[in-house]
């Protein structure tokens, strides 16, 4: 009797390719928002992108006739929207001051931090691999910092790196909330209400820290929101068809895209210190996350 060929034999390859396109889309969004942040400030750029995200996602939510979130879900949306929003704001504030490649390399710390937060908040056990991986990743951060010292980086650049590390800590907290959030809501609801919460919070401070979006910037603003939404859909599709351990490596291609886009759009050059630090951070993350299902930063494209 002839055995039928497995129907999903090529699924991992396809899922990997789709995820890679999703990461490229997210990296392009980073470049657009960095440009907006340089021109108008990170606060305004993040506010505009969040509002554009609501405008794009709300009609889809309505057309699909999705029910409104439960009270428990709304509390989680509000909590995670606040934490993730602060993370995004710090990230782009820092990204204005450092190269895209360096900024993205530092965000790879988030899953590692999430492992330790999960131990504190959820009572999960910290494996030896997580400890070893965190030590290796820490060496990577020190290598990047050493590169800044060697290059006599300005205090502004150093503060940018500190802001991105702080953003990674906050993002790790949002990953913990995401675990609970995903049990109560689908990706569309999570993306929409995260954007709504962030928009409301930022609008409250807009009279002091924000600005009205220039009409000429609308294509960039909605382009960034669209790229983020496309990335979220592609990554959700990919992760629904392949195991996280298969797709985890593709997340780190963001470093390559950020280096290319940083060079093309902003004329940034990637130092050997940054490349070495990124390699150590990625290696440490892969060791620590072996067998784990903690999301990688760019899987949260809608934040």
Protein backbone atom coordinates (compact mmCIF):
# COMPACT_ATOMS: atom_id res chain seq x y z
CA UNK A 1 0.00 0.00 0.00
CA UNK A 2 1.37 3.41 -1.02
CA UNK A 3 1.50 6.02 1.71
CA UNK A 4 0.16 9.45 0.78
CA UNK A 5 2.66 12.27 0.92
CA UNK A 6 2.26 14.50 3.97
CA UNK A 7 -0.03 17.39 3.13
CA UNK A 8 2.00 19.75 5.27
CA UNK A 9 5.46 18.74 4.01
CA UNK A 10 6.21 22.22 2.71
CA UNK A 11 4.26 24.11 5.37
CA UNK A 12 7.30 24.99 7.54
CA UNK A 13 9.16 26.39 4.51
CA UNK A 14 6.14 28.41 3.42
CA UNK A 15 5.49 29.62 6.96
CA UNK A 16 9.14 30.63 7.30
CA UNK A 17 8.98 32.63 4.06
CA UNK A 18 5.75 34.35 5.08
CA UNK A 19 7.19 35.19 8.49
CA UNK A 20 10.30 36.63 6.84
CA UNK A 21 8.10 38.96 4.76
CA UNK A 22 6.29 39.92 7.96
CA UNK A 23 9.58 40.84 9.65
CA UNK A 24 10.65 42.86 6.60
CA UNK A 25 7.32 44.73 6.72
CA UNK A 26 7.80 45.50 10.39
CA UNK A 27 11.34 46.75 9.78
CA UNK A 28 10.08 49.07 7.04
CA UNK A 29 7.53 50.40 9.50
CA UNK A 30 10.32 51.07 12.00
CA UNK A 31 12.15 53.10 9.36
CA UNK A 32 9.05 55.18 8.57
CA UNK A 33 8.29 55.90 12.23
CA UNK A 34 11.95 56.73 12.94
CA UNK A 35 11.82 59.27 10.11
CA UNK A 36 8.65 60.78 11.55
CA UNK A 37 10.21 60.80 15.03
CA UNK A 38 13.29 62.66 13.80
CA UNK A 39 11.13 65.26 12.06
CA UNK A 40 8.34 65.70 14.62
CA UNK A 41 9.35 63.88 17.82
CA UNK A 42 8.68 60.32 18.96
CA UNK A 43 5.54 61.31 20.90
CA UNK A 44 3.77 62.69 17.84
CA UNK A 45 4.98 59.89 15.59
CA UNK A 46 3.71 57.13 17.89
CA UNK A 47 0.42 58.97 18.45
CA UNK A 48 -0.18 59.38 14.72
CA UNK A 49 0.66 55.76 13.98
CA UNK A 50 -1.68 54.56 16.74
CA UNK A 51 -4.56 56.70 15.48
CA UNK A 52 -3.96 55.49 11.93
CA UNK A 53 -3.99 51.91 13.22
CA UNK A 54 -7.41 52.48 14.79
CA UNK A 55 -8.71 53.99 11.54
CA UNK A 56 -7.49 50.99 9.55
CA UNK A 57 -8.51 48.22 11.98
CA UNK A 58 -11.84 49.49 13.34
CA UNK A 59 -13.76 49.02 10.05
CA UNK A 60 -12.45 45.45 9.78
CA UNK A 61 -13.58 44.77 13.36
CA UNK A 62 -17.06 46.16 12.60
CA UNK A 63 -17.44 44.37 9.26
CA UNK A 64 -16.54 41.06 10.88
CA UNK A 65 -19.23 41.78 13.50
CA UNK A 66 -16.94 40.97 16.35
CA UNK A 67 -18.50 41.31 19.82
CA UNK A 68 -17.18 43.97 22.16
CA UNK A 69 -14.54 42.76 24.65
CA UNK A 70 -15.65 41.45 28.02
CA UNK A 71 -14.90 43.45 31.16
CA UNK A 72 -11.97 41.15 31.98
CA UNK A 73 -10.59 41.51 28.47
CA UNK A 74 -10.92 45.30 28.57
CA UNK A 75 -8.92 45.44 31.80
CA UNK A 76 -6.17 43.41 30.14
CA UNK A 77 -6.32 45.57 26.99
CA UNK A 78 -5.95 48.69 29.13
CA UNK A 79 -3.08 47.25 31.17
CA UNK A 80 -1.14 45.92 28.20
CA UNK A 81 -1.88 48.97 26.06
CA UNK A 82 -0.37 51.15 28.79
CA UNK A 83 2.75 49.04 29.25
CA UNK A 84 3.28 48.35 25.54
CA UNK A 85 2.60 52.01 24.73
CA UNK A 86 5.30 53.20 27.12
CA UNK A 87 7.63 50.62 25.58
CA UNK A 88 6.96 51.79 22.01
CA UNK A 89 7.40 55.45 22.99
CA UNK A 90 10.75 54.76 24.68
CA UNK A 91 11.87 52.60 21.76
CA UNK A 92 11.34 55.26 19.12
CA UNK A 93 12.70 58.00 21.37
CA UNK A 94 15.86 55.93 21.64
CA UNK A 95 15.87 54.94 17.98
CA UNK A 96 16.17 58.59 16.98
CA UNK A 97 19.51 58.66 18.85
CA UNK A 98 21.07 55.34 17.78
CA UNK A 99 21.27 53.37 14.54
CA UNK A 100 18.38 51.12 13.60
CA UNK A 101 20.61 48.03 13.73
CA UNK A 102 21.81 48.81 17.25
CA UNK A 103 18.31 49.62 18.46
CA UNK A 104 16.82 46.41 17.08
CA UNK A 105 19.70 44.33 18.48
CA UNK A 106 18.94 45.64 21.97
CA UNK A 107 15.22 44.76 21.63
CA UNK A 108 16.21 41.09 21.32
CA UNK A 109 16.70 41.19 25.11
CA UNK A 110 12.93 41.32 25.66
CA UNK A 111 12.18 37.56 25.44
CA UNK A 112 15.02 36.86 27.89
CA UNK A 113 13.68 39.41 30.33
CA UNK A 114 10.21 37.92 29.88
CA UNK A 115 11.50 34.54 31.08
CA UNK A 116 12.60 36.04 34.39
CA UNK A 117 9.44 38.14 34.73
CA UNK A 118 7.38 34.99 34.15
CA UNK A 119 9.24 33.36 37.03
CA UNK A 120 8.34 36.25 39.32
CA UNK A 121 4.79 36.91 38.12
CA UNK A 122 3.63 33.45 37.01
CA UNK A 123 5.81 31.29 39.24
CA UNK A 124 7.51 29.57 36.32
CA UNK A 125 10.82 27.79 36.83
CA UNK A 126 13.99 29.40 35.51
CA UNK A 127 15.99 26.76 33.65
CA UNK A 128 19.79 26.64 33.56
CA UNK A 129 19.65 27.49 29.88
CA UNK A 130 17.89 30.76 30.66
CA UNK A 131 20.61 31.75 33.10
CA UNK A 132 23.40 30.81 30.70
CA UNK A 133 21.64 32.54 27.82
CA UNK A 134 21.12 35.72 29.79
CA UNK A 135 24.82 35.83 30.66
CA UNK A 136 25.81 35.46 27.00
CA UNK A 137 23.28 38.13 25.95
CA UNK A 138 24.58 40.44 28.67
CA UNK A 139 28.04 40.16 27.15
CA UNK A 140 26.47 41.24 23.88
CA UNK A 141 25.00 44.36 25.48
CA UNK A 142 28.39 45.14 27.05
CA UNK A 143 30.04 44.72 23.65
CA UNK A 144 27.63 47.23 22.09
CA UNK A 145 28.27 49.59 24.99
CA UNK A 146 32.00 49.11 24.48
CA UNK A 147 31.54 50.12 20.87
CA UNK A 148 29.91 53.36 21.97
CA UNK A 149 32.79 54.08 24.33
CA UNK A 150 35.36 53.30 21.63
CA UNK A 151 33.53 55.57 19.18
CA UNK A 152 33.25 58.34 21.80
CA UNK A 153 29.47 58.31 21.44
CA UNK A 154 27.59 61.37 22.63
CA UNK A 155 25.59 61.31 25.84
CA UNK A 156 22.50 61.53 23.63
CA UNK A 157 23.42 58.23 21.93
CA UNK A 158 24.09 56.58 25.29
CA UNK A 159 20.71 57.75 26.59
CA UNK A 160 19.11 56.37 23.42
CA UNK A 161 20.56 52.93 24.16
CA UNK A 162 19.41 53.13 27.79
CA UNK A 163 15.90 54.08 26.62
CA UNK A 164 15.74 51.07 24.29
CA UNK A 165 16.89 48.69 27.04
CA UNK A 166 14.18 50.18 29.30
CA UNK A 167 11.70 49.71 26.44
CA UNK A 168 12.73 46.04 26.27
CA UNK A 169 12.01 45.61 29.98
CA UNK A 170 8.55 47.13 29.56
CA UNK A 171 7.93 45.10 26.44
CA UNK A 172 8.85 41.94 28.34
CA UNK A 173 6.13 42.87 30.82
CA UNK A 174 3.68 43.27 27.96
CA UNK A 175 4.58 39.77 26.73
CA UNK A 176 3.49 38.37 30.08
CA UNK A 177 0.17 40.20 29.75
CA UNK A 178 -0.09 38.99 26.15
CA UNK A 179 -0.21 35.38 27.33
CA UNK A 180 -3.36 36.09 29.31
CA UNK A 181 -4.73 38.43 26.66
CA UNK A 182 -4.46 35.80 23.92
CA UNK A 183 -6.69 33.48 25.95
CA UNK A 184 -9.52 36.02 25.95
CA UNK A 185 -9.26 37.74 22.57
CA UNK A 186 -8.25 37.07 18.96
CA UNK A 187 -5.36 38.93 17.26
CA UNK A 188 -7.64 41.51 15.59
CA UNK A 189 -9.22 42.51 18.89
CA UNK A 190 -5.83 42.64 20.60
CA UNK A 191 -4.36 44.82 17.84
CA UNK A 192 -7.33 47.20 17.67
CA UNK A 193 -7.84 47.76 21.37
CA UNK A 194 -4.13 48.07 22.06
CA UNK A 195 -4.08 50.88 19.49
CA UNK A 196 -7.20 52.44 21.01
CA UNK A 197 -5.77 52.42 24.53
CA UNK A 198 -2.45 53.85 23.36
CA UNK A 199 -4.20 56.54 21.31
CA UNK A 200 -6.37 57.63 24.24
CA UNK A 201 -3.38 57.83 26.58
CA UNK A 202 -1.26 59.80 24.12
CA UNK A 203 -4.13 62.14 23.20
CA UNK A 204 -4.33 63.12 26.86
CA UNK A 205 -0.81 64.52 26.69
CA UNK A 206 -1.01 65.75 23.09
CA UNK A 207 -1.68 69.43 23.98
CA UNK A 208 1.74 69.54 25.68
CA UNK A 209 3.86 66.94 23.88
CA UNK A 210 2.16 66.25 20.55
CA UNK A 211 1.43 68.07 17.33
CA UNK A 212 -1.17 68.02 14.56
CA UNK A 213 -0.06 65.73 11.74
CA UNK A 214 0.93 67.67 8.60
CA UNK A 215 -1.12 66.59 5.58
CA UNK A 216 2.09 65.91 3.67
CA UNK A 217 3.00 63.24 6.27
CA UNK A 218 -0.27 61.29 6.01
CA UNK A 219 1.06 58.78 3.43
CA UNK A 220 3.97 57.93 5.77
CA UNK A 221 1.69 57.71 8.81
CA UNK A 222 -0.86 55.42 7.18
CA UNK A 223 1.93 53.54 5.43
CA UNK A 224 3.49 52.78 8.82
CA UNK A 225 0.14 51.67 10.24
CA UNK A 226 -0.56 49.49 7.20
CA UNK A 227 2.88 47.88 7.33
CA UNK A 228 2.42 47.12 11.03
CA UNK A 229 -0.98 45.57 10.36
CA UNK A 230 0.31 43.52 7.40
CA UNK A 231 3.20 42.30 9.54
CA UNK A 232 0.83 41.27 12.33
CA UNK A 233 -1.37 39.30 9.93
CA UNK A 234 1.54 37.57 8.20
CA UNK A 235 3.22 36.60 11.47
CA UNK A 236 -0.06 35.35 12.96
CA UNK A 237 -0.60 33.24 9.82
CA UNK A 238 2.92 31.84 9.96
CA UNK A 239 2.84 31.03 13.68
CA UNK A 240 -0.50 29.31 13.17
CA UNK A 241 1.09 26.89 10.68
CA UNK A 242 4.53 26.14 12.09
CA UNK A 243 6.05 25.63 15.52
CA UNK A 244 7.58 28.62 17.26
CA UNK A 245 10.96 26.86 17.43
CA UNK A 246 10.95 26.61 13.63
CA UNK A 247 10.13 30.27 13.15
CA UNK A 248 12.13 31.82 15.99
CA UNK A 249 15.30 32.27 13.90
CA UNK A 250 13.46 34.33 11.27
CA UNK A 251 12.69 36.96 13.90
CA UNK A 252 16.37 37.83 14.07
CA UNK A 253 16.46 38.74 10.38
CA UNK A 254 15.10 42.08 11.63
CA UNK A 255 18.72 42.98 12.41
CA UNK A 256 19.67 42.53 8.75
CA UNK A 257 16.70 44.54 7.52
CA UNK A 258 17.34 47.30 10.05
CA UNK A 259 20.99 47.51 8.99
CA UNK A 260 20.03 47.75 5.31
CA UNK A 261 17.23 50.27 5.84
CA UNK A 262 19.31 52.30 8.28
CA UNK A 263 22.07 52.56 5.67
CA UNK A 264 19.74 53.36 2.74
CA UNK A 265 17.34 55.76 4.51
CA UNK A 266 19.50 57.37 7.19
CA UNK A 267 23.06 56.76 6.01
CA UNK A 268 23.86 54.70 9.11
CA UNK A 269 26.84 52.37 9.24
CA UNK A 270 26.90 49.27 11.40
CA UNK A 271 30.05 48.86 13.48
CA UNK A 272 31.76 45.55 14.18
CA UNK A 273 30.95 46.13 17.87
CA UNK A 274 27.21 46.22 17.10
CA UNK A 275 27.41 43.12 14.89
CA UNK A 276 29.34 41.22 17.56
CA UNK A 277 26.94 42.32 20.27
CA UNK A 278 23.94 41.32 18.18
CA UNK A 279 25.43 37.86 17.56
CA UNK A 280 25.93 37.32 21.30
CA UNK A 281 22.42 38.57 22.17
CA UNK A 282 20.83 36.31 19.54
CA UNK A 283 22.95 33.33 20.64
CA UNK A 284 22.02 33.91 24.26
CA UNK A 285 18.34 34.20 23.38
CA UNK A 286 18.35 30.99 21.36
CA UNK A 287 20.02 29.11 24.23
CA UNK A 288 17.62 30.51 26.81
CA UNK A 289 14.47 30.09 24.73
CA UNK A 290 15.15 26.52 23.61
CA UNK A 291 11.84 24.70 23.94
CA UNK A 292 10.08 27.82 25.23
CA UNK A 293 7.13 29.59 23.61
CA UNK A 294 7.85 33.15 24.72
CA UNK A 295 7.05 35.48 21.79
CA UNK A 296 9.88 37.40 20.15
CA UNK A 297 9.52 41.22 20.02
CA UNK A 298 8.50 41.58 16.40
CA UNK A 299 5.60 39.16 16.73
CA UNK A 300 3.75 42.01 18.37
CA UNK A 301 3.58 44.11 15.26
CA UNK A 302 0.36 45.84 16.20
CA UNK A 303 1.56 47.33 19.45
